[in-house]
Each structure stands twice: as structure tokens, then as C-alpha cells.
PDB file of N, CA and C in Angstrom:
ATOM      1  N   UNK A   1      56.433  54.313 -20.575  1.00  0.00           N
ATOM      2  CA  UNK A   1      56.386  54.828 -19.218  1.00  0.00           C
ATOM      3  C   UNK A   1      56.788  56.301 -19.245  1.00  0.00           C
ATOM      4  N   UNK A   2      56.158  57.080 -18.412  1.00  0.00           N
ATOM      5  CA  UNK A   2      56.477  58.508 -18.283  1.00  0.00           C
ATOM      6  C   UNK A   2      57.837  58.685 -17.613  1.00  0.00           C
ATOM      7  N   UNK A   3      58.564  59.712 -18.019  1.00  0.00           N
ATOM      8  CA  UNK A   3      59.905  59.915 -17.466  1.00  0.00           C
ATOM      9  C   UNK A   3      59.869  60.293 -15.994  1.00  0.00           C
ATOM     10  N   UNK A   4      58.862  61.046 -15.541  1.00  0.00           N
ATOM     11  CA  UNK A   4      58.817  61.404 -14.124  1.00  0.00           C
ATOM     12  C   UNK A   4      58.580  60.163 -13.256  1.00  0.00           C
ATOM     13  N   UNK A   5      57.732  59.285 -13.720  1.00  0.00           N
ATOM     14  CA  UNK A   5      57.480  58.035 -12.997  1.00  0.00           C
ATOM     15  C   UNK A   5      58.730  57.151 -12.984  1.00  0.00           C
ATOM     16  N   UNK A   6      59.433  57.114 -14.117  1.00  0.00           N
ATOM     17  CA  UNK A   6      60.659  56.316 -14.213  1.00  0.00           C
ATOM     18  C   UNK A   6      61.719  56.814 -13.233  1.00  0.00           C
ATOM     19  N   UNK A   7      61.930  58.125 -13.161  1.00  0.00           N
ATOM     20  CA  UNK A   7      62.938  58.680 -12.247  1.00  0.00           C
ATOM     21  C   UNK A   7      62.607  58.347 -10.800  1.00  0.00           C
ATOM     22  N   UNK A   8      61.336  58.316 -10.473  1.00  0.00           N
ATOM     23  CA  UNK A   8      60.908  57.948  -9.116  1.00  0.00           C
ATOM     24  C   UNK A   8      61.109  56.448  -8.892  1.00  0.00           C
ATOM     25  N   UNK A   9      60.715  55.623  -9.864  1.00  0.00           N
ATOM     26  CA  UNK A   9      60.906  54.176  -9.750  1.00  0.00           C
ATOM     27  C   UNK A   9      62.382  53.821  -9.603  1.00  0.00           C
ATOM     28  N   UNK A  10      63.265  54.515 -10.356  1.00  0.00           N
ATOM     29  CA  UNK A  10      64.697  54.218 -10.314  1.00  0.00           C
ATOM     30  C   UNK A  10      65.398  54.838  -9.110  1.00  0.00           C
ATOM     31  N   UNK A  11      64.648  55.526  -8.273  1.00  0.00           N
ATOM     32  CA  UNK A  11      65.154  56.124  -7.029  1.00  0.00           C
ATOM     33  C   UNK A  11      66.140  57.273  -7.250  1.00  0.00           C
ATOM     34  N   UNK A  12      66.047  57.944  -8.393  1.00  0.00           N
ATOM     35  CA  UNK A  12      66.833  59.153  -8.602  1.00  0.00           C
ATOM     36  C   UNK A  12      66.114  60.356  -8.001  1.00  0.00           C
ATOM     37  N   UNK A  13      64.808  60.257  -7.832  1.00  0.00           N
ATOM     38  CA  UNK A  13      64.011  61.308  -7.194  1.00  0.00           C
ATOM     39  C   UNK A  13      63.276  60.685  -6.014  1.00  0.00           C
ATOM     40  N   UNK A  14      63.203  61.426  -4.913  1.00  0.00           N
ATOM     41  CA  UNK A  14      62.578  60.889  -3.701  1.00  0.00           C
ATOM     42  C   UNK A  14      61.053  60.885  -3.767  1.00  0.00           C
ATOM     43  N   UNK A  15      60.477  61.662  -4.674  1.00  0.00           N
ATOM     44  CA  UNK A  15      59.021  61.654  -4.861  1.00  0.00           C
ATOM     45  C   UNK A  15      58.719  61.893  -6.340  1.00  0.00           C
ATOM     46  N   UNK A  16      57.520  61.531  -6.728  1.00  0.00           N
ATOM     47  CA  UNK A  16      57.144  61.737  -8.123  1.00  0.00           C
ATOM     48  C   UNK A  16      56.983  63.230  -8.416  1.00  0.00           C
ATOM     49  N   UNK A  17      56.512  63.999  -7.443  1.00  0.00           N
ATOM     50  CA  UNK A  17      56.396  65.449  -7.629  1.00  0.00           C
ATOM     51  C   UNK A  17      57.760  66.084  -7.860  1.00  0.00           C
ATOM     52  N   UNK A  18      58.771  65.632  -7.123  1.00  0.00           N
ATOM     53  CA  UNK A  18      60.124  66.145  -7.304  1.00  0.00           C
ATOM     54  C   UNK A  18      60.643  65.782  -8.697  1.00  0.00           C
ATOM     55  N   UNK A  19      60.385  64.565  -9.140  1.00  0.00           N
ATOM     56  CA  UNK A  19      60.788  64.144 -10.485  1.00  0.00           C
ATOM     57  C   UNK A  19      60.082  64.996 -11.540  1.00  0.00           C
ATOM     58  N   UNK A  20      58.813  65.269 -11.324  1.00  0.00           N
ATOM     59  CA  UNK A  20      58.039  66.118 -12.241  1.00  0.00           C
ATOM     60  C   UNK A  20      58.669  67.502 -12.353  1.00  0.00           C
ATOM     61  N   UNK A  21      58.988  68.111 -11.218  1.00  0.00           N
ATOM     62  CA  UNK A  21      59.592  69.442 -11.198  1.00  0.00           C
ATOM     63  C   UNK A  21      60.981  69.439 -11.844  1.00  0.00           C
ATOM     64  N   UNK A  22      61.732  68.376 -11.602  1.00  0.00           N
ATOM     65  CA  UNK A  22      63.076  68.222 -12.154  1.00  0.00           C
ATOM     66  C   UNK A  22      63.024  68.217 -13.677  1.00  0.00           C
ATOM     67  N   UNK A  23      62.071  67.483 -14.235  1.00  0.00           N
ATOM     68  CA  UNK A  23      61.913  67.417 -15.685  1.00  0.00           C
ATOM     69  C   UNK A  23      61.405  68.754 -16.221  1.00  0.00           C
ATOM     70  N   UNK A  24      60.424  69.355 -15.560  1.00  0.00           N
ATOM     71  CA  UNK A  24      59.857  70.633 -16.003  1.00  0.00           C
ATOM     72  C   UNK A  24      60.910  71.737 -16.043  1.00  0.00           C
ATOM     73  N   UNK A  25      61.896  71.666 -15.167  1.00  0.00           N
ATOM     74  CA  UNK A  25      62.959  72.672 -15.131  1.00  0.00           C
ATOM     75  C   UNK A  25      63.929  72.512 -16.306  1.00  0.00           C
ATOM     76  N   UNK A  26      63.817  71.407 -17.044  1.00  0.00           N
ATOM     77  CA  UNK A  26      64.657  71.210 -18.222  1.00  0.00           C
ATOM     78  C   UNK A  26      66.044  70.688 -17.923  1.00  0.00           C
ATOM     79  N   UNK A  27      66.223  70.026 -16.781  1.00  0.00           N
ATOM     80  CA  UNK A  27      67.545  69.550 -16.401  1.00  0.00           C
ATOM     81  C   UNK A  27      67.883  68.153 -16.908  1.00  0.00           C
ATOM     82  N   UNK A  28      66.930  67.454 -17.498  1.00  0.00           N
ATOM     83  CA  UNK A  28      67.128  66.069 -17.930  1.00  0.00           C
ATOM     84  C   UNK A  28      67.330  66.024 -19.448  1.00  0.00           C
ATOM     85  N   UNK A  29      68.255  65.169 -19.881  1.00  0.00           N
ATOM     86  CA  UNK A  29      68.462  64.960 -21.321  1.00  0.00           C
ATOM     87  C   UNK A  29      68.133  63.508 -21.653  1.00  0.00           C
ATOM     88  N   UNK A  30      67.423  63.331 -22.748  1.00  0.00           N
ATOM     89  CA  UNK A  30      67.062  62.014 -23.247  1.00  0.00           C
ATOM     90  C   UNK A  30      67.698  61.845 -24.618  1.00  0.00           C
ATOM     91  N   UNK A  31      68.606  60.889 -24.730  1.00  0.00           N
ATOM     92  CA  UNK A  31      69.327  60.643 -25.982  1.00  0.00           C
ATOM     93  C   UNK A  31      69.975  61.928 -26.505  1.00  0.00           C
ATOM     94  N   UNK A  32      70.516  62.728 -25.592  1.00  0.00           N
ATOM     95  CA  UNK A  32      71.226  63.937 -25.959  1.00  0.00           C
ATOM     96  C   UNK A  32      70.364  65.176 -26.129  1.00  0.00           C
ATOM     97  N   UNK A  33      69.046  65.024 -26.086  1.00  0.00           N
ATOM     98  CA  UNK A  33      68.144  66.162 -26.254  1.00  0.00           C
ATOM     99  C   UNK A  33      67.500  66.541 -24.932  1.00  0.00           C
ATOM    100  N   UNK A  34      67.446  67.818 -24.673  1.00  0.00           N
ATOM    101  CA  UNK A  34      66.817  68.317 -23.452  1.00  0.00           C
ATOM    102  C   UNK A  34      65.304  68.121 -23.539  1.00  0.00           C
ATOM    103  N   UNK A  35      64.725  67.616 -22.473  1.00  0.00           N
ATOM    104  CA  UNK A  35      63.269  67.444 -22.444  1.00  0.00           C
ATOM    105  C   UNK A  35      62.695  68.249 -21.284  1.00  0.00           C
ATOM    106  N   UNK A  36      61.460  68.682 -21.449  1.00  0.00           N
ATOM    107  CA  UNK A  36      60.823  69.469 -20.398  1.00  0.00           C
ATOM    108  C   UNK A  36      59.357  69.081 -20.195  1.00  0.00           C
ATOM    109  N   UNK A  37      59.010  67.875 -20.639  1.00  0.00           N
ATOM    110  CA  UNK A  37      57.650  67.375 -20.447  1.00  0.00           C
ATOM    111  C   UNK A  37      57.693  66.093 -19.635  1.00  0.00           C
ATOM    112  N   UNK A  38      57.098  66.092 -18.442  1.00  0.00           N
ATOM    113  CA  UNK A  38      57.146  64.913 -17.579  1.00  0.00           C
ATOM    114  C   UNK A  38      56.445  63.690 -18.166  1.00  0.00           C
ATOM    115  N   UNK A  39      55.583  63.885 -19.145  1.00  0.00           N
ATOM    116  CA  UNK A  39      54.880  62.768 -19.751  1.00  0.00           C
ATOM    117  C   UNK A  39      55.615  62.150 -20.920  1.00  0.00           C
ATOM    118  N   UNK A  40      56.847  62.583 -21.162  1.00  0.00           N
ATOM    119  CA  UNK A  40      57.630  62.053 -22.284  1.00  0.00           C
ATOM    120  C   UNK A  40      57.831  60.550 -22.109  1.00  0.00           C
ATOM    121  N   UNK A  41      57.587  59.794 -23.159  1.00  0.00           N
ATOM    122  CA  UNK A  41      57.688  58.330 -23.091  1.00  0.00           C
ATOM    123  C   UNK A  41      59.146  57.870 -23.120  1.00  0.00           C
ATOM    124  N   UNK A  42      59.438  56.874 -22.309  1.00  0.00           N
ATOM    125  CA  UNK A  42      60.769  56.288 -22.190  1.00  0.00           C
ATOM    126  C   UNK A  42      60.675  54.809 -22.546  1.00  0.00           C
ATOM    127  N   UNK A  43      61.725  54.300 -23.197  1.00  0.00           N
ATOM    128  CA  UNK A  43      61.742  52.876 -23.554  1.00  0.00           C
ATOM    129  C   UNK A  43      63.135  52.305 -23.317  1.00  0.00           C
ATOM    130  N   UNK A  44      63.265  50.992 -23.208  1.00  0.00           N
ATOM    131  CA  UNK A  44      64.591  50.392 -23.048  1.00  0.00           C
ATOM    132  C   UNK A  44      65.507  50.788 -24.209  1.00  0.00           C
ATOM    133  N   UNK A  45      66.774  51.042 -23.886  1.00  0.00           N
ATOM    134  CA  UNK A  45      67.740  51.480 -24.880  1.00  0.00           C
ATOM    135  C   UNK A  45      67.961  52.987 -24.867  1.00  0.00           C
ATOM    136  N   UNK A  46      67.052  53.738 -24.236  1.00  0.00           N
ATOM    137  CA  UNK A  46      67.215  55.186 -24.133  1.00  0.00           C
ATOM    138  C   UNK A  46      68.360  55.526 -23.192  1.00  0.00           C
ATOM    139  N   UNK A  47      69.043  56.630 -23.490  1.00  0.00           N
ATOM    140  CA  UNK A  47      70.147  57.106 -22.662  1.00  0.00           C
ATOM    141  C   UNK A  47      69.699  58.401 -21.983  1.00  0.00           C
ATOM    142  N   UNK A  48      69.804  58.437 -20.656  1.00  0.00           N
ATOM    143  CA  UNK A  48      69.419  59.603 -19.865  1.00  0.00           C
ATOM    144  C   UNK A  48      70.652  60.248 -19.254  1.00  0.00           C
ATOM    145  N   UNK A  49      70.700  61.573 -19.287  1.00  0.00           N
ATOM    146  CA  UNK A  49      71.744  62.335 -18.620  1.00  0.00           C
ATOM    147  C   UNK A  49      71.082  63.040 -17.449  1.00  0.00           C
ATOM    148  N   UNK A  50      71.537  62.707 -16.241  1.00  0.00           N
ATOM    149  CA  UNK A  50      70.911  63.191 -15.014  1.00  0.00           C
ATOM    150  C   UNK A  50      71.881  64.037 -14.203  1.00  0.00           C
ATOM    151  N   UNK A  51      71.551  65.297 -13.951  1.00  0.00           N
ATOM    152  CA  UNK A  51      72.409  66.117 -13.097  1.00  0.00           C
ATOM    153  C   UNK A  51      72.084  65.835 -11.627  1.00  0.00           C
ATOM    154  N   UNK A  52      72.945  65.115 -10.974  1.00  0.00           N
ATOM    155  CA  UNK A  52      72.753  64.805  -9.560  1.00  0.00           C
ATOM    156  C   UNK A  52      73.428  65.882  -8.724  1.00  0.00           C
ATOM    157  N   UNK A  53      73.357  65.783  -7.417  1.00  0.00           N
ATOM    158  CA  UNK A  53      73.898  66.841  -6.560  1.00  0.00           C
ATOM    159  C   UNK A  53      75.382  67.099  -6.758  1.00  0.00           C
ATOM    160  N   UNK A  54      76.186  66.051  -6.828  1.00  0.00           N
ATOM    161  CA  UNK A  54      77.638  66.246  -6.890  1.00  0.00           C
ATOM    162  C   UNK A  54      78.260  65.831  -8.221  1.00  0.00           C
ATOM    163  N   UNK A  55      77.437  65.347  -9.159  1.00  0.00           N
ATOM    164  CA  UNK A  55      77.987  64.887 -10.431  1.00  0.00           C
ATOM    165  C   UNK A  55      76.866  64.776 -11.467  1.00  0.00           C
ATOM    166  N   UNK A  56      77.267  64.565 -12.684  1.00  0.00           N
ATOM    167  CA  UNK A  56      76.327  64.277 -13.761  1.00  0.00           C
ATOM    168  C   UNK A  56      76.479  62.798 -14.081  1.00  0.00           C
ATOM    169  N   UNK A  57      75.351  62.079 -14.143  1.00  0.00           N
ATOM    170  CA  UNK A  57      75.405  60.644 -14.409  1.00  0.00           C
ATOM    171  C   UNK A  57      74.665  60.327 -15.696  1.00  0.00           C
ATOM    172  N   UNK A  58      75.283  59.486 -16.516  1.00  0.00           N
ATOM    173  CA  UNK A  58      74.682  59.056 -17.777  1.00  0.00           C
ATOM    174  C   UNK A  58      74.352  57.575 -17.638  1.00  0.00           C
ATOM    175  N   UNK A  59      73.075  57.240 -17.886  1.00  0.00           N
ATOM    176  CA  UNK A  59      72.642  55.848 -17.755  1.00  0.00           C
ATOM    177  C   UNK A  59      71.927  55.412 -19.024  1.00  0.00           C
ATOM    178  N   UNK A  60      71.975  54.108 -19.290  1.00  0.00           N
ATOM    179  CA  UNK A  60      71.206  53.511 -20.383  1.00  0.00           C
ATOM    180  C   UNK A  60      70.193  52.565 -19.760  1.00  0.00           C
ATOM    181  N   UNK A  61      68.947  52.693 -20.156  1.00  0.00           N
ATOM    182  CA  UNK A  61      67.898  51.821 -19.630  1.00  0.00           C
ATOM    183  C   UNK A  61      67.994  50.460 -20.301  1.00  0.00           C
ATOM    184  N   UNK A  62      68.046  49.417 -19.506  1.00  0.00           N
ATOM    185  CA  UNK A  62      68.066  48.071 -20.060  1.00  0.00           C
ATOM    186  C   UNK A  62      66.675  47.451 -20.042  1.00  0.00           C
ATOM    187  N   UNK A  63      65.863  47.867 -19.082  1.00  0.00           N
ATOM    188  CA  UNK A  63      64.473  47.422 -18.996  1.00  0.00           C
ATOM    189  C   UNK A  63      63.696  48.433 -18.154  1.00  0.00           C
ATOM    190  N   UNK A  64      62.384  48.428 -18.307  1.00  0.00           N
ATOM    191  CA  UNK A  64      61.545  49.326 -17.518  1.00  0.00           C
ATOM    192  C   UNK A  64      61.131  48.621 -16.232  1.00  0.00           C
ATOM    193  N   UNK A  65      61.274  49.289 -15.101  1.00  0.00           N
ATOM    194  CA  UNK A  65      60.876  48.663 -13.839  1.00  0.00           C
ATOM    195  C   UNK A  65      59.357  48.589 -13.735  1.00  0.00           C
ATOM    196  N   UNK A  66      58.876  47.578 -13.057  1.00  0.00           N
ATOM    197  CA  UNK A  66      57.443  47.400 -12.870  1.00  0.00           C
ATOM    198  C   UNK A  66      56.928  48.132 -11.634  1.00  0.00           C
ATOM    199  N   UNK A  67      57.862  48.440 -10.712  1.00  0.00           N
ATOM    200  CA  UNK A  67      57.476  49.094  -9.466  1.00  0.00           C
ATOM    201  C   UNK A  67      58.683  49.810  -8.882  1.00  0.00           C
ATOM    202  N   UNK A  68      58.462  50.553  -7.811  1.00  0.00           N
ATOM    203  CA  UNK A  68      59.558  51.201  -7.093  1.00  0.00           C
ATOM    204  C   UNK A  68      59.994  50.234  -5.989  1.00  0.00           C
ATOM    205  N   UNK A  69      60.811  49.302  -6.353  1.00  0.00           N
ATOM    206  CA  UNK A  69      61.236  48.259  -5.433  1.00  0.00           C
ATOM    207  C   UNK A  69      62.532  48.602  -4.726  1.00  0.00           C
ATOM    208  N   UNK A  70      63.160  47.592  -4.123  1.00  0.00           N
ATOM    209  CA  UNK A  70      64.439  47.788  -3.434  1.00  0.00           C
ATOM    210  C   UNK A  70      65.530  48.245  -4.409  1.00  0.00           C
ATOM    211  N   UNK A  71      66.492  48.978  -3.885  1.00  0.00           N
ATOM    212  CA  UNK A  71      67.561  49.547  -4.715  1.00  0.00           C
ATOM    213  C   UNK A  71      68.297  48.470  -5.510  1.00  0.00           C
ATOM    214  N   UNK A  72      68.584  47.341  -4.896  1.00  0.00           N
ATOM    215  CA  UNK A  72      69.315  46.267  -5.589  1.00  0.00           C
ATOM    216  C   UNK A  72      68.522  45.758  -6.792  1.00  0.00           C
ATOM    217  N   UNK A  73      67.218  45.684  -6.663  1.00  0.00           N
ATOM    218  CA  UNK A  73      66.363  45.225  -7.758  1.00  0.00           C
ATOM    219  C   UNK A  73      66.305  46.278  -8.875  1.00  0.00           C
ATOM    220  N   UNK A  74      66.196  47.519  -8.500  1.00  0.00           N
ATOM    221  CA  UNK A  74      66.054  48.606  -9.460  1.00  0.00           C
ATOM    222  C   UNK A  74      67.344  48.833 -10.251  1.00  0.00           C
ATOM    223  N   UNK A  75      68.492  48.632  -9.628  1.00  0.00           N
ATOM    224  CA  UNK A  75      69.767  48.874 -10.310  1.00  0.00           C
ATOM    225  C   UNK A  75      70.017  47.902 -11.459  1.00  0.00           C
ATOM    226  N   UNK A  76      69.230  46.855 -11.558  1.00  0.00           N
ATOM    227  CA  UNK A  76      69.351  45.935 -12.689  1.00  0.00           C
ATOM    228  C   UNK A  76      68.628  46.463 -13.928  1.00  0.00           C
ATOM    229  N   UNK A  77      67.864  47.547 -13.778  1.00  0.00           N
ATOM    230  CA  UNK A  77      67.089  48.109 -14.881  1.00  0.00           C
ATOM    231  C   UNK A  77      67.885  49.097 -15.731  1.00  0.00           C
ATOM    232  N   UNK A  78      69.076  49.456 -15.291  1.00  0.00           N
ATOM    233  CA  UNK A  78      69.897  50.395 -16.057  1.00  0.00           C
ATOM    234  C   UNK A  78      71.362  50.082 -15.848  1.00  0.00           C
ATOM    235  N   UNK A  79      72.174  50.625 -16.760  1.00  0.00           N
ATOM    236  CA  UNK A  79      73.618  50.514 -16.565  1.00  0.00           C
ATOM    237  C   UNK A  79      74.218  51.910 -16.680  1.00  0.00           C
ATOM    238  N   UNK A  80      75.202  52.163 -15.857  1.00  0.00           N
ATOM    239  CA  UNK A  80      75.864  53.459 -15.824  1.00  0.00           C
ATOM    240  C   UNK A  80      76.905  53.493 -16.933  1.00  0.00           C
ATOM    241  N   UNK A  81      76.845  54.517 -17.776  1.00  0.00           N
ATOM    242  CA  UNK A  81      77.754  54.608 -18.916  1.00  0.00           C
ATOM    243  C   UNK A  81      79.022  55.386 -18.613  1.00  0.00           C
ATOM    244  N   UNK A  82      79.005  56.208 -17.584  1.00  0.00           N
ATOM    245  CA  UNK A  82      80.157  57.067 -17.300  1.00  0.00           C
ATOM    246  C   UNK A  82      80.802  56.752 -15.957  1.00  0.00           C
ATOM    247  N   UNK A  83      80.672  55.535 -15.495  1.00  0.00           N
ATOM    248  CA  UNK A  83      81.204  55.165 -14.181  1.00  0.00           C
ATOM    249  C   UNK A  83      82.722  55.316 -14.145  1.00  0.00           C
ATOM    250  N   UNK A  84      83.210  55.969 -13.118  1.00  0.00           N
ATOM    251  CA  UNK A  84      84.633  56.131 -12.923  1.00  0.00           C
ATOM    252  C   UNK A  84      85.236  57.319 -13.649  1.00  0.00           C
ATOM    253  N   UNK A  85      84.462  57.985 -14.482  1.00  0.00           N
ATOM    254  CA  UNK A  85      84.983  59.151 -15.192  1.00  0.00           C
ATOM    255  C   UNK A  85      84.835  60.391 -14.328  1.00  0.00           C
ATOM    256  N   UNK A  86      85.823  61.232 -14.367  1.00  0.00           N
ATOM    257  CA  UNK A  86      85.745  62.486 -13.623  1.00  0.00           C
ATOM    258  C   UNK A  86      85.029  63.515 -14.481  1.00  0.00           C
ATOM    259  N   UNK A  87      84.265  64.352 -13.829  1.00  0.00           N
ATOM    260  CA  UNK A  87      83.534  65.382 -14.535  1.00  0.00           C
ATOM    261  C   UNK A  87      83.746  66.714 -13.838  1.00  0.00           C
ATOM    262  N   UNK A  88      84.716  67.519 -14.300  1.00  0.00           N
ATOM    263  CA  UNK A  88      84.993  68.771 -13.618  1.00  0.00           C
ATOM    264  C   UNK A  88      83.839  69.751 -13.671  1.00  0.00           C
ATOM    265  N   UNK A  89      82.952  69.626 -14.623  1.00  0.00           N
ATOM    266  CA  UNK A  89      81.801  70.517 -14.707  1.00  0.00           C
ATOM    267  C   UNK A  89      80.876  70.303 -13.516  1.00  0.00           C
ATOM    268  N   UNK A  90      80.774  69.074 -13.054  1.00  0.00           N
ATOM    269  CA  UNK A  90      79.872  68.749 -11.955  1.00  0.00           C
ATOM    270  C   UNK A  90      80.454  69.107 -10.591  1.00  0.00           C
ATOM    271  N   UNK A  91      81.645  69.648 -10.562  1.00  0.00           N
ATOM    272  CA  UNK A  91      82.224  70.093  -9.291  1.00  0.00           C
ATOM    273  C   UNK A  91      82.985  69.021  -8.531  1.00  0.00           C
ATOM    274  N   UNK A  92      83.278  67.897  -9.166  1.00  0.00           N
ATOM    275  CA  UNK A  92      84.036  66.835  -8.512  1.00  0.00           C
ATOM    276  C   UNK A  92      85.498  67.205  -8.383  1.00  0.00           C
ATOM    277  N   UNK A  93      86.226  66.447  -7.585  1.00  0.00           N
ATOM    278  CA  UNK A  93      87.658  66.700  -7.420  1.00  0.00           C
ATOM    279  C   UNK A  93      88.391  66.393  -8.710  1.00  0.00           C
ATOM    280  N   UNK A  94      89.487  67.115  -8.924  1.00  0.00           N
ATOM    281  CA  UNK A  94      90.250  66.897 -10.155  1.00  0.00           C
ATOM    282  C   UNK A  94      91.569  66.246  -9.870  1.00  0.00           C
TER     283      UNK A  94
END
């Protein structure tokens, strides 16, 4: 699956065009490496680093979603690796 489509399916981007632009800007990391091609293939087990508005979130894909479904359904496709950790770089409270 393409990374731009995945970000849209997982509801990290509100549109596929926004996900495409986000990847093209070089803000996404896949397994620790910066990527800048929206067509980059993603598979279960990959680790994504996503710079969100107020924090940086690291997730591991457990399965690829089949569609852009409800949030509760989609959240079963990944697990958050940095939950509860503070990240002063992302501008969170210290």
C-alpha cells in the first residue's frame, strides 16, 4: 500500500492530497529513514514517525487497513510506541 493512502486510511491526514503533500515535504520517517515519495510501499511491521500538530507520534503497523473506516476500527491497525512519553521537541509541556 502507498504511504499517502495509508495516512489517509489511518485518519492522520484529512485528505489523500494532504497526505501526499505531507510526504513530499519530507516530514515522515519510515523505519528511521526520511521518505519523500508518496508511492513508497508500506507493510505490516513498519514503524512510522509522524509529526502531528502538537507532538511527534511513533506507530508500528500491525496490519494494513482495507478502507478508511471508523476510527475505532482503524486504531486496531497500528499500535502507538511512544504513548505517555513527553517530547519537548514537539512543544509539549514539560
